[in-house]
Amino acid sequence: MRINIKLVFCSLCCCTNFLFGATTNYLETVMKLSPEEATKYIRSLPEDAVWQMASEGYEKGLNEYGIAVGILGQAGPSFDWEKHPPTREKLVGLISNPSLHPGLRAALAAGGFDRVAKDWKLDEFLSYLGNVLVLLQDPKIQYRWKWEIPDNAARGILKRMQPLLLNGSDASSLRGLDALHDRSAQIMGCLTDLLTKLPDTPENSLGDVCGGLMEFARLYQERTFPSTEASRHAVGMAKAGREALIQVLRDHKYSLSTVKVVLRRGDTIKLSDDFTKKDIATLKLDSRFSDEESTNLLLLLEQKMGKAKGIKP
């Protein structure tokens, strides 16, 4: 079914209440056209102009769906990455382009793991991951734009690890695993630093940081890897990240929304293994946990602790 670009844009305008500035841009031009004319106009633009229009969409407050469907989805076959996947050079060029909105760059970086990077050779995947790390670690870009990257990267890394693990102690496989461990350790170190050093504000999005860190902590908690210096380092970083996540529940500097992320997804890192009866009692007295959902989450955690091993004194 063909999407009506005019309806997509108009509905997004009503939902987000964004206003256009005085400067003429590609997005303003499209809004003046009929749906058929808009599609024709977008397809007439050079590729760089289409990406600039998508960037303008982020600047004006459109959500990712509106940009993906209303702009990129109308731009012709070359933007259909399912059928025409971009080269690594093309994708890296986009996510590294400082003239594009960071939200667009980060969305492309995260989406690359599921759409195209999974099919590249391991050295190409590692090179791509290195470029994504640069974006993830850029302190000038707010984490609220980058929150999808860790989850997608963790899934992508695991997919690349699985066939290497099947080869056991094969030297080539071990080298590949070590390279993936190094990248994982870098990401976990970045996320742990963000979680422990930044104030808990909406811009820093520490709840999302928790979610991404949990994905990597789970990756190393649920699997056993051949013992190498790189794997031991990555396991150590995963343990440090897990400790930081547990500390979120014990430290009053974190907001309720951030704490709830850890409580809701605590099973993924076996949170109950390291909590004590004293911890639970302290949390029950914490004013942050006075709402019904928090009370239920704490009760569920307490029950799981009891079933797993009996609550520690």
C-alpha atoms as a PDB file:
ATOM      1  CA  MET A   1       0.000   0.000   0.000  1.00  0.00           C
ATOM      2  CA  ARG A   2       1.358   3.391  -0.951  1.00  0.00           C
ATOM      3  CA  ILE A   3       1.712   5.910   1.869  1.00  0.00           C
ATOM      4  CA  ASN A   4       0.245   9.357   1.331  1.00  0.00           C
ATOM      5  CA  ILE A   5       3.189  11.611   2.074  1.00  0.00           C
ATOM      6  CA  LYS A   6       0.966  14.660   2.570  1.00  0.00           C
ATOM      7  CA  LEU A   7      -1.077  12.887   5.246  1.00  0.00           C
ATOM      8  CA  VAL A   8       2.086  11.635   6.957  1.00  0.00           C
ATOM      9  CA  PHE A   9       3.506  15.129   7.144  1.00  0.00           C
ATOM     10  CA  CYS A  10       0.243  16.783   8.188  1.00  0.00           C
ATOM     11  CA  SER A  11      -0.457  14.280  10.952  1.00  0.00           C
ATOM     12  CA  LEU A  12       3.063  14.722  12.268  1.00  0.00           C
ATOM     13  CA  CYS A  13       2.620  18.468  12.252  1.00  0.00           C
ATOM     14  CA  CYS A  14      -0.479  18.122  14.420  1.00  0.00           C
ATOM     15  CA  CYS A  15       1.197  15.701  16.815  1.00  0.00           C
ATOM     16  CA  THR A  16       4.460  17.557  17.335  1.00  0.00           C
ATOM     17  CA  ASN A  17       3.280  21.149  16.788  1.00  0.00           C
ATOM     18  CA  PHE A  18       6.503  22.081  15.068  1.00  0.00           C
ATOM     19  CA  LEU A  19       6.798  25.413  13.253  1.00  0.00           C
ATOM     20  CA  PHE A  20       8.714  26.134  10.110  1.00  0.00           C
ATOM     21  CA  GLY A  21      11.268  28.934  10.131  1.00  0.00           C
ATOM     22  CA  ALA A  22      11.483  31.712   7.622  1.00  0.00           C
ATOM     23  CA  THR A  23      14.279  30.107   5.607  1.00  0.00           C
ATOM     24  CA  THR A  24      13.104  28.086   2.622  1.00  0.00           C
ATOM     25  CA  ASN A  25      14.136  24.433   2.725  1.00  0.00           C
ATOM     26  CA  TYR A  26      13.291  21.139   1.079  1.00  0.00           C
ATOM     27  CA  LEU A  27      10.723  20.226   3.713  1.00  0.00           C
ATOM     28  CA  GLU A  28       8.843  23.516   3.282  1.00  0.00           C
ATOM     29  CA  THR A  29       8.736  22.963  -0.459  1.00  0.00           C
ATOM     30  CA  VAL A  30       7.232  19.488  -0.073  1.00  0.00           C
ATOM     31  CA  MET A  31       4.525  20.790   2.250  1.00  0.00           C
ATOM     32  CA  LYS A  32       3.251  23.072  -0.533  1.00  0.00           C
ATOM     33  CA  LEU A  33       2.798  20.206  -2.988  1.00  0.00           C
ATOM     34  CA  SER A  34       0.151  17.575  -3.578  1.00  0.00           C
ATOM     35  CA  PRO A  35       1.114  14.004  -2.617  1.00  0.00           C
ATOM     36  CA  GLU A  36       1.848  13.090  -6.242  1.00  0.00           C
ATOM     37  CA  GLU A  37       3.868  16.261  -6.804  1.00  0.00           C
ATOM     38  CA  ALA A  38       5.725  15.733  -3.523  1.00  0.00           C
ATOM     39  CA  THR A  39       6.833  12.236  -4.492  1.00  0.00           C
ATOM     40  CA  LYS A  40       7.906  13.462  -7.912  1.00  0.00           C
ATOM     41  CA  TYR A  41       9.800  16.353  -6.339  1.00  0.00           C
ATOM     42  CA  ILE A  42      11.633  14.132  -3.856  1.00  0.00           C
ATOM     43  CA  ARG A  43      12.628  11.706  -6.592  1.00  0.00           C
ATOM     44  CA  SER A  44      13.959  14.576  -8.684  1.00  0.00           C
ATOM     45  CA  LEU A  45      16.409  15.605  -5.978  1.00  0.00           C
ATOM     46  CA  PRO A  46      20.028  14.461  -5.907  1.00  0.00           C
ATOM     47  CA  GLU A  47      20.840  11.972  -3.172  1.00  0.00           C
ATOM     48  CA  ASP A  48      22.592  14.519  -0.967  1.00  0.00           C
ATOM     49  CA  ALA A  49      19.504  16.752  -1.036  1.00  0.00           C
ATOM     50  CA  VAL A  50      17.257  13.887   0.070  1.00  0.00           C
ATOM     51  CA  TRP A  51      19.491  13.234   3.064  1.00  0.00           C
ATOM     52  CA  GLN A  52      19.453  16.941   3.817  1.00  0.00           C
ATOM     53  CA  MET A  53      15.658  16.887   3.757  1.00  0.00           C
ATOM     54  CA  ALA A  54      15.667  13.954   6.183  1.00  0.00           C
ATOM     55  CA  SER A  55      18.025  15.941   8.389  1.00  0.00           C
ATOM     56  CA  GLU A  56      15.638  18.900   8.280  1.00  0.00           C
ATOM     57  CA  GLY A  57      12.890  16.537   9.392  1.00  0.00           C
ATOM     58  CA  TYR A  58      14.804  15.833  12.596  1.00  0.00           C
ATOM     59  CA  GLU A  59      15.409  19.538  13.119  1.00  0.00           C
ATOM     60  CA  LYS A  60      11.689  20.271  12.781  1.00  0.00           C
ATOM     61  CA  GLY A  61      10.612  17.533  15.179  1.00  0.00           C
ATOM     62  CA  LEU A  62       9.343  14.787  12.874  1.00  0.00           C
ATOM     63  CA  ASN A  63       9.652  11.304  14.340  1.00  0.00           C
ATOM     64  CA  GLU A  64      11.680   8.526  12.731  1.00  0.00           C
ATOM     65  CA  TYR A  65       8.629   6.877  11.201  1.00  0.00           C
ATOM     66  CA  GLY A  66       7.577  10.068   9.450  1.00  0.00           C
ATOM     67  CA  ILE A  67      11.079  10.607   8.088  1.00  0.00           C
ATOM     68  CA  ALA A  68      11.527   6.991   7.009  1.00  0.00           C
ATOM     69  CA  VAL A  69       8.127   6.755   5.303  1.00  0.00           C
ATOM     70  CA  GLY A  70       7.388  10.334   4.311  1.00  0.00           C
ATOM     71  CA  ILE A  71      10.811  11.219   2.938  1.00  0.00           C
ATOM     72  CA  LEU A  72      13.172   8.290   2.428  1.00  0.00           C
ATOM     73  CA  GLY A  73      10.336   5.947   1.508  1.00  0.00           C
ATOM     74  CA  GLN A  74       9.391   8.235  -1.377  1.00  0.00           C
ATOM     75  CA  ALA A  75      12.910   8.736  -2.699  1.00  0.00           C
ATOM     76  CA  GLY A  76      13.119   5.836  -5.093  1.00  0.00           C
ATOM     77  CA  PRO A  77      14.774   2.389  -5.310  1.00  0.00           C
ATOM     78  CA  SER A  78      18.257   3.502  -4.267  1.00  0.00           C
ATOM     79  CA  PHE A  79      16.897   4.307  -0.794  1.00  0.00           C
ATOM     80  CA  ASP A  80      15.350   0.852  -0.384  1.00  0.00           C
ATOM     81  CA  TRP A  81      18.193  -0.693   1.577  1.00  0.00           C
ATOM     82  CA  GLU A  82      16.458  -4.068   1.805  1.00  0.00           C
ATOM     83  CA  LYS A  83      16.859  -4.489  -1.951  1.00  0.00           C
ATOM     84  CA  HIS A  84      19.789  -2.162  -2.562  1.00  0.00           C
ATOM     85  CA  PRO A  85      22.002  -2.187   0.557  1.00  0.00           C
ATOM     86  CA  PRO A  86      24.591   0.582   0.751  1.00  0.00           C
ATOM     87  CA  THR A  87      28.289  -0.088   0.799  1.00  0.00           C
ATOM     88  CA  ARG A  88      30.200   0.294   4.035  1.00  0.00           C
ATOM     89  CA  GLU A  89      31.807   3.437   2.650  1.00  0.00           C
ATOM     90  CA  LYS A  90      28.410   4.946   1.861  1.00  0.00           C
ATOM     91  CA  LEU A  91      26.978   4.207   5.302  1.00  0.00           C
ATOM     92  CA  VAL A  92      30.088   5.389   7.140  1.00  0.00           C
ATOM     93  CA  GLY A  93      30.055   8.576   5.088  1.00  0.00           C
ATOM     94  CA  LEU A  94      26.501   9.315   6.222  1.00  0.00           C
ATOM     95  CA  ILE A  95      26.992   8.624   9.932  1.00  0.00           C
ATOM     96  CA  SER A  96      30.246  10.612   9.907  1.00  0.00           C
ATOM     97  CA  ASN A  97      28.751  13.635   8.127  1.00  0.00           C
ATOM     98  CA  PRO A  98      28.661  16.533  10.636  1.00  0.00           C
ATOM     99  CA  SER A  99      26.256  18.511   8.437  1.00  0.00           C
ATOM    100  CA  LEU A 100      23.484  15.973   9.056  1.00  0.00           C
ATOM    101  CA  HIS A 101      21.368  16.037  12.206  1.00  0.00           C
ATOM    102  CA  PRO A 102      22.827  13.748  14.919  1.00  0.00           C
ATOM    103  CA  GLY A 103      19.480  11.984  15.261  1.00  0.00           C
ATOM    104  CA  LEU A 104      19.589  10.934  11.610  1.00  0.00           C
ATOM    105  CA  ARG A 105      23.235   9.891  11.840  1.00  0.00           C
ATOM    106  CA  ALA A 106      22.597   7.815  14.964  1.00  0.00           C
ATOM    107  CA  ALA A 107      19.463   6.173  13.530  1.00  0.00           C
ATOM    108  CA  LEU A 108      21.398   5.140  10.431  1.00  0.00           C
ATOM    109  CA  ALA A 109      24.265   3.859  12.577  1.00  0.00           C
ATOM    110  CA  ALA A 110      21.916   1.739  14.716  1.00  0.00           C
ATOM    111  CA  GLY A 111      19.905   0.477  11.765  1.00  0.00           C
ATOM    112  CA  GLY A 112      23.024  -0.545   9.902  1.00  0.00           C
ATOM    113  CA  PHE A 113      23.580  -3.524  12.197  1.00  0.00           C
ATOM    114  CA  ASP A 114      20.252  -5.109  11.284  1.00  0.00           C
ATOM    115  CA  ARG A 115      20.051  -4.072   7.643  1.00  0.00           C
ATOM    116  CA  VAL A 116      23.482  -4.413   6.100  1.00  0.00           C
ATOM    117  CA  ALA A 117      26.409  -4.897   8.498  1.00  0.00           C
ATOM    118  CA  LYS A 118      25.293  -8.430   9.331  1.00  0.00           C
ATOM    119  CA  ASP A 119      26.249  -9.525   5.819  1.00  0.00           C
ATOM    120  CA  TRP A 120      29.690  -7.919   5.649  1.00  0.00           C
ATOM    121  CA  LYS A 121      32.993  -9.662   6.151  1.00  0.00           C
ATOM    122  CA  LEU A 122      34.214  -9.574   9.737  1.00  0.00           C
ATOM    123  CA  ASP A 123      36.920  -6.976   9.068  1.00  0.00           C
ATOM    124  CA  GLU A 124      34.326  -4.737   7.394  1.00  0.00           C
ATOM    125  CA  PHE A 125      31.973  -5.215  10.330  1.00  0.00           C
ATOM    126  CA  LEU A 126      34.742  -4.319  12.791  1.00  0.00           C
ATOM    127  CA  SER A 127      35.651  -1.241  10.775  1.00  0.00           C
ATOM    128  CA  TYR A 128      32.013  -0.145  10.742  1.00  0.00           C
ATOM    129  CA  LEU A 129      31.713  -0.763  14.468  1.00  0.00           C
ATOM    130  CA  GLY A 130      34.746   1.437  15.029  1.00  0.00           C
ATOM    131  CA  ASN A 131      33.071   4.304  13.199  1.00  0.00           C
ATOM    132  CA  VAL A 132      29.859   3.814  15.151  1.00  0.00           C
ATOM    133  CA  LEU A 133      31.893   3.959  18.373  1.00  0.00           C
ATOM    134  CA  VAL A 134      33.186   7.388  17.394  1.00  0.00           C
ATOM    135  CA  LEU A 135      29.594   8.588  17.123  1.00  0.00           C
ATOM    136  CA  LEU A 136      28.545   6.876  20.350  1.00  0.00           C
ATOM    137  CA  GLN A 137      31.433   8.436  22.279  1.00  0.00           C
ATOM    138  CA  ASP A 138      30.985  11.949  20.871  1.00  0.00           C
ATOM    139  CA  PRO A 139      30.230  14.099  23.942  1.00  0.00           C
ATOM    140  CA  LYS A 140      28.745  16.861  21.782  1.00  0.00           C
ATOM    141  CA  ILE A 141      25.826  14.621  20.771  1.00  0.00           C
ATOM    142  CA  GLN A 142      23.153  14.046  23.402  1.00  0.00           C
ATOM    143  CA  TYR A 143      22.543  10.424  24.279  1.00  0.00           C
ATOM    144  CA  ARG A 144      18.831  10.789  23.581  1.00  0.00           C
ATOM    145  CA  TRP A 145      19.757  10.641  19.897  1.00  0.00           C
ATOM    146  CA  LYS A 146      22.045   7.617  20.298  1.00  0.00           C
ATOM    147  CA  TRP A 147      20.005   5.338  22.542  1.00  0.00           C
ATOM    148  CA  GLU A 148      19.305   2.697  19.859  1.00  0.00           C
ATOM    149  CA  ILE A 149      22.955   2.095  19.056  1.00  0.00           C
ATOM    150  CA  PRO A 150      24.022  -0.142  22.016  1.00  0.00           C
ATOM    151  CA  ASP A 151      21.076  -2.547  21.731  1.00  0.00           C
ATOM    152  CA  ASN A 152      21.594  -2.993  17.995  1.00  0.00           C
ATOM    153  CA  ALA A 153      25.361  -3.242  18.377  1.00  0.00           C
ATOM    154  CA  ALA A 154      25.022  -5.936  21.062  1.00  0.00           C
ATOM    155  CA  ARG A 155      22.768  -7.999  18.811  1.00  0.00           C
ATOM    156  CA  GLY A 156      25.096  -7.482  15.871  1.00  0.00           C
ATOM    157  CA  ILE A 157      28.189  -8.471  17.850  1.00  0.00           C
ATOM    158  CA  LEU A 158      26.486 -11.604  19.196  1.00  0.00           C
ATOM    159  CA  LYS A 159      25.526 -12.691  15.672  1.00  0.00           C
ATOM    160  CA  ARG A 160      29.134 -12.344  14.574  1.00  0.00           C
ATOM    161  CA  MET A 161      30.395 -14.204  17.652  1.00  0.00           C
ATOM    162  CA  GLN A 162      28.180 -17.260  17.248  1.00  0.00           C
ATOM    163  CA  PRO A 163      29.865 -18.856  14.197  1.00  0.00           C
ATOM    164  CA  LEU A 164      33.297 -18.060  15.634  1.00  0.00           C
ATOM    165  CA  LEU A 165      32.414 -19.828  18.875  1.00  0.00           C
ATOM    166  CA  LEU A 166      31.496 -22.953  16.933  1.00  0.00           C
ATOM    167  CA  ASN A 167      35.090 -23.216  15.712  1.00  0.00           C
ATOM    168  CA  GLY A 168      36.403 -23.478  19.265  1.00  0.00           C
ATOM    169  CA  SER A 169      40.097 -22.783  19.575  1.00  0.00           C
ATOM    170  CA  ASP A 170      40.752 -22.140  15.878  1.00  0.00           C
ATOM    171  CA  ALA A 171      43.356 -19.347  15.750  1.00  0.00           C
ATOM    172  CA  SER A 172      41.485 -17.263  13.196  1.00  0.00           C
ATOM    173  CA  SER A 173      38.252 -17.521  15.170  1.00  0.00           C
ATOM    174  CA  LEU A 174      40.017 -16.531  18.385  1.00  0.00           C
ATOM    175  CA  ARG A 175      41.445 -13.441  16.703  1.00  0.00           C
ATOM    176  CA  GLY A 176      37.995 -12.502  15.464  1.00  0.00           C
ATOM    177  CA  LEU A 177      36.465 -13.042  18.892  1.00  0.00           C
ATOM    178  CA  ASP A 178      39.186 -10.974  20.538  1.00  0.00           C
ATOM    179  CA  ALA A 179      38.501  -8.087  18.147  1.00  0.00           C
ATOM    180  CA  LEU A 180      34.792  -8.267  18.978  1.00  0.00           C
ATOM    181  CA  HIS A 181      35.588  -8.421  22.697  1.00  0.00           C
ATOM    182  CA  ASP A 182      37.683  -5.274  22.347  1.00  0.00           C
ATOM    183  CA  ARG A 183      34.799  -3.401  20.713  1.00  0.00           C
ATOM    184  CA  SER A 184      32.351  -4.659  23.349  1.00  0.00           C
ATOM    185  CA  ALA A 185      34.655  -3.542  26.153  1.00  0.00           C
ATOM    186  CA  GLN A 186      34.894  -0.070  24.610  1.00  0.00           C
ATOM    187  CA  ILE A 187      31.116   0.251  24.395  1.00  0.00           C
ATOM    188  CA  MET A 188      30.591  -1.024  27.928  1.00  0.00           C
ATOM    189  CA  GLY A 189      33.234   1.355  29.243  1.00  0.00           C
ATOM    190  CA  CYS A 190      31.557   4.268  27.476  1.00  0.00           C
ATOM    191  CA  LEU A 191      28.109   3.382  28.843  1.00  0.00           C
ATOM    192  CA  THR A 192      29.383   2.788  32.373  1.00  0.00           C
ATOM    193  CA  ASP A 193      31.125   6.165  32.367  1.00  0.00           C
ATOM    194  CA  LEU A 194      27.949   7.871  31.193  1.00  0.00           C
ATOM    195  CA  LEU A 195      25.876   6.148  33.853  1.00  0.00           C
ATOM    196  CA  THR A 196      28.233   6.937  36.722  1.00  0.00           C
ATOM    197  CA  LYS A 197      29.492  10.393  35.764  1.00  0.00           C
ATOM    198  CA  LEU A 198      26.605  12.274  34.145  1.00  0.00           C
ATOM    199  CA  PRO A 199      23.678  13.894  35.992  1.00  0.00           C
ATOM    200  CA  ASP A 200      20.356  12.140  35.453  1.00  0.00           C
ATOM    201  CA  THR A 201      18.617  14.576  33.117  1.00  0.00           C
ATOM    202  CA  PRO A 202      16.267  13.979  30.152  1.00  0.00           C
ATOM    203  CA  GLU A 203      19.037  15.064  27.766  1.00  0.00           C
ATOM    204  CA  ASN A 204      21.464  12.479  29.178  1.00  0.00           C
ATOM    205  CA  SER A 205      18.777   9.790  29.009  1.00  0.00           C
ATOM    206  CA  LEU A 206      20.359   7.559  31.657  1.00  0.00           C
ATOM    207  CA  GLY A 207      17.406   5.181  31.567  1.00  0.00           C
ATOM    208  CA  ASP A 208      18.316   4.411  27.969  1.00  0.00           C
ATOM    209  CA  VAL A 209      21.969   4.092  28.965  1.00  0.00           C
ATOM    210  CA  CYS A 210      20.894   1.447  31.492  1.00  0.00           C
ATOM    211  CA  GLY A 211      19.021  -0.461  28.811  1.00  0.00           C
ATOM    212  CA  GLY A 212      21.999  -0.525  26.463  1.00  0.00           C
ATOM    213  CA  LEU A 213      24.420  -1.509  29.209  1.00  0.00           C
ATOM    214  CA  MET A 214      22.115  -4.347  30.248  1.00  0.00           C
ATOM    215  CA  GLU A 215      22.275  -5.820  26.742  1.00  0.00           C
ATOM    216  CA  PHE A 216      26.061  -6.058  26.906  1.00  0.00           C
ATOM    217  CA  ALA A 217      26.132  -7.242  30.521  1.00  0.00           C
ATOM    218  CA  ARG A 218      23.725 -10.016  29.586  1.00  0.00           C
ATOM    219  CA  LEU A 219      25.822 -10.986  26.567  1.00  0.00           C
ATOM    220  CA  TYR A 220      28.792 -11.744  28.811  1.00  0.00           C
ATOM    221  CA  GLN A 221      26.820 -13.104  31.745  1.00  0.00           C
ATOM    222  CA  GLU A 222      24.963 -15.750  29.749  1.00  0.00           C
ATOM    223  CA  ARG A 223      27.913 -17.143  27.763  1.00  0.00           C
ATOM    224  CA  THR A 224      31.319 -18.649  28.330  1.00  0.00           C
ATOM    225  CA  PHE A 225      34.084 -17.586  25.971  1.00  0.00           C
ATOM    226  CA  PRO A 226      37.534 -19.055  25.303  1.00  0.00           C
ATOM    227  CA  SER A 227      39.869 -17.546  27.874  1.00  0.00           C
ATOM    228  CA  THR A 228      42.009 -14.834  26.330  1.00  0.00           C
ATOM    229  CA  GLU A 229      43.220 -11.483  27.581  1.00  0.00           C
ATOM    230  CA  ALA A 230      40.557  -9.721  25.493  1.00  0.00           C
ATOM    231  CA  SER A 231      37.713 -11.941  26.712  1.00  0.00           C
ATOM    232  CA  ARG A 232      38.752 -11.571  30.339  1.00  0.00           C
ATOM    233  CA  HIS A 233      38.883  -7.807  29.929  1.00  0.00           C
ATOM    234  CA  ALA A 234      35.411  -7.745  28.343  1.00  0.00           C
ATOM    235  CA  VAL A 235      33.992  -9.946  31.117  1.00  0.00           C
ATOM    236  CA  GLY A 236      35.528  -7.569  33.664  1.00  0.00           C
ATOM    237  CA  MET A 237      33.929  -4.581  31.942  1.00  0.00           C
ATOM    238  CA  ALA A 238      30.578  -6.389  31.928  1.00  0.00           C
ATOM    239  CA  LYS A 239      30.860  -7.004  35.674  1.00  0.00           C
ATOM    240  CA  ALA A 240      31.729  -3.343  36.263  1.00  0.00           C
ATOM    241  CA  GLY A 241      28.724  -2.312  34.186  1.00  0.00           C
ATOM    242  CA  ARG A 242      26.479  -4.662  36.106  1.00  0.00           C
ATOM    243  CA  GLU A 243      27.706  -3.223  39.408  1.00  0.00           C
ATOM    244  CA  ALA A 244      26.945   0.271  38.128  1.00  0.00           C
ATOM    245  CA  LEU A 245      23.429  -0.847  37.224  1.00  0.00           C
ATOM    246  CA  ILE A 246      22.853  -2.273  40.698  1.00  0.00           C
ATOM    247  CA  GLN A 247      24.146   0.976  42.187  1.00  0.00           C
ATOM    248  CA  VAL A 248      21.385   2.827  40.320  1.00  0.00           C
ATOM    249  CA  LEU A 249      18.909   1.237  42.731  1.00  0.00           C
ATOM    250  CA  ARG A 250      20.942   2.233  45.767  1.00  0.00           C
ATOM    251  CA  ASP A 251      21.842   5.814  44.873  1.00  0.00           C
ATOM    252  CA  HIS A 252      19.295   8.608  45.323  1.00  0.00           C
ATOM    253  CA  LYS A 253      20.824  10.697  42.532  1.00  0.00           C
ATOM    254  CA  TYR A 254      18.985   8.614  39.911  1.00  0.00           C
ATOM    255  CA  SER A 255      15.437   9.440  38.857  1.00  0.00           C
ATOM    256  CA  LEU A 256      12.533   7.065  39.262  1.00  0.00           C
ATOM    257  CA  SER A 257      12.262   6.582  35.505  1.00  0.00           C
ATOM    258  CA  THR A 258      15.897   5.459  35.328  1.00  0.00           C
ATOM    259  CA  VAL A 259      15.536   3.178  38.338  1.00  0.00           C
ATOM    260  CA  LYS A 260      12.449   1.549  36.854  1.00  0.00           C
ATOM    261  CA  VAL A 261      14.378   0.550  33.744  1.00  0.00           C
ATOM    262  CA  VAL A 262      16.722  -1.479  35.950  1.00  0.00           C
ATOM    263  CA  LEU A 263      13.849  -2.985  37.923  1.00  0.00           C
ATOM    264  CA  ARG A 264      11.818  -3.905  34.850  1.00  0.00           C
ATOM    265  CA  ARG A 265      14.729  -5.507  33.042  1.00  0.00           C
ATOM    266  CA  GLY A 266      16.566  -6.839  36.076  1.00  0.00           C
ATOM    267  CA  ASP A 267      16.037 -10.440  34.999  1.00  0.00           C
ATOM    268  CA  THR A 268      18.303  -9.923  32.003  1.00  0.00           C
ATOM    269  CA  ILE A 269      21.308  -9.487  34.310  1.00  0.00           C
ATOM    270  CA  LYS A 270      20.045 -11.729  37.151  1.00  0.00           C
ATOM    271  CA  LEU A 271      19.676  -8.780  39.467  1.00  0.00           C
ATOM    272  CA  SER A 272      18.261 -10.941  42.245  1.00  0.00           C
ATOM    273  CA  ASP A 273      21.574 -12.821  42.569  1.00  0.00           C
ATOM    274  CA  ASP A 274      23.258  -9.861  44.233  1.00  0.00           C
ATOM    275  CA  PHE A 275      20.444  -8.265  46.183  1.00  0.00           C
ATOM    276  CA  THR A 276      19.942  -8.829  49.897  1.00  0.00           C
ATOM    277  CA  LYS A 277      17.049  -8.605  52.308  1.00  0.00           C
ATOM    278  CA  LYS A 278      18.544  -5.356  53.585  1.00  0.00           C
ATOM    279  CA  ASP A 279      18.574  -3.929  50.026  1.00  0.00           C
ATOM    280  CA  ILE A 280      14.885  -4.716  49.587  1.00  0.00           C
ATOM    281  CA  ALA A 281      13.975  -3.223  52.962  1.00  0.00           C
ATOM    282  CA  THR A 282      15.889  -0.038  52.127  1.00  0.00           C
ATOM    283  CA  LEU A 283      14.167   0.313  48.753  1.00  0.00           C
ATOM    284  CA  LYS A 284      10.745  -0.151  50.291  1.00  0.00           C
ATOM    285  CA  LEU A 285      11.435   2.855  52.518  1.00  0.00           C
ATOM    286  CA  ASP A 286      12.727   4.941  49.594  1.00  0.00           C
ATOM    287  CA  SER A 287      10.255   7.658  48.604  1.00  0.00           C
ATOM    288  CA  ARG A 288      11.095   7.063  44.937  1.00  0.00           C
ATOM    289  CA  PHE A 289       9.273   3.726  45.113  1.00  0.00           C
ATOM    290  CA  SER A 290       5.961   4.850  46.552  1.00  0.00           C
ATOM    291  CA  ASP A 291       3.865   4.433  43.398  1.00  0.00           C
ATOM    292  CA  GLU A 292       1.986   1.230  42.641  1.00  0.00           C
ATOM    293  CA  GLU A 293       4.179   0.073  39.768  1.00  0.00           C
ATOM    294  CA  SER A 294       7.369   0.463  41.809  1.00  0.00           C
ATOM    295  CA  THR A 295       5.817  -1.407  44.728  1.00  0.00           C
ATOM    296  CA  ASN A 296       4.859  -4.265  42.421  1.00  0.00           C
ATOM    297  CA  LEU A 297       8.308  -4.352  40.833  1.00  0.00           C
ATOM    298  CA  LEU A 298       9.986  -4.561  44.236  1.00  0.00           C
ATOM    299  CA  LEU A 299       7.598  -7.309  45.321  1.00  0.00           C
ATOM    300  CA  LEU A 300       8.374  -9.271  42.157  1.00  0.00           C
ATOM    301  CA  LEU A 301      12.109  -8.862  42.721  1.00  0.00           C
ATOM    302  CA  GLU A 302      11.757 -10.051  46.319  1.00  0.00           C
ATOM    303  CA  GLN A 303       9.797 -13.115  45.220  1.00  0.00           C
ATOM    304  CA  LYS A 304      12.394 -14.022  42.624  1.00  0.00           C
ATOM    305  CA  MET A 305      15.150 -13.707  45.172  1.00  0.00           C
ATOM    306  CA  GLY A 306      13.330 -16.078  47.488  1.00  0.00           C
ATOM    307  CA  LYS A 307      12.676 -18.645  44.763  1.00  0.00           C
ATOM    308  CA  ALA A 308      16.228 -18.540  43.426  1.00  0.00           C
ATOM    309  CA  LYS A 309      18.187 -19.120  46.629  1.00  0.00           C
ATOM    310  CA  GLY A 310      16.395 -17.845  49.692  1.00  0.00           C
ATOM    311  CA  ILE A 311      16.861 -14.208  50.626  1.00  0.00           C
ATOM    312  CA  LYS A 312      20.271 -13.365  52.041  1.00  0.00           C
ATOM    313  CA  PRO A 313      20.345 -12.001  55.588  1.00  0.00           C
END
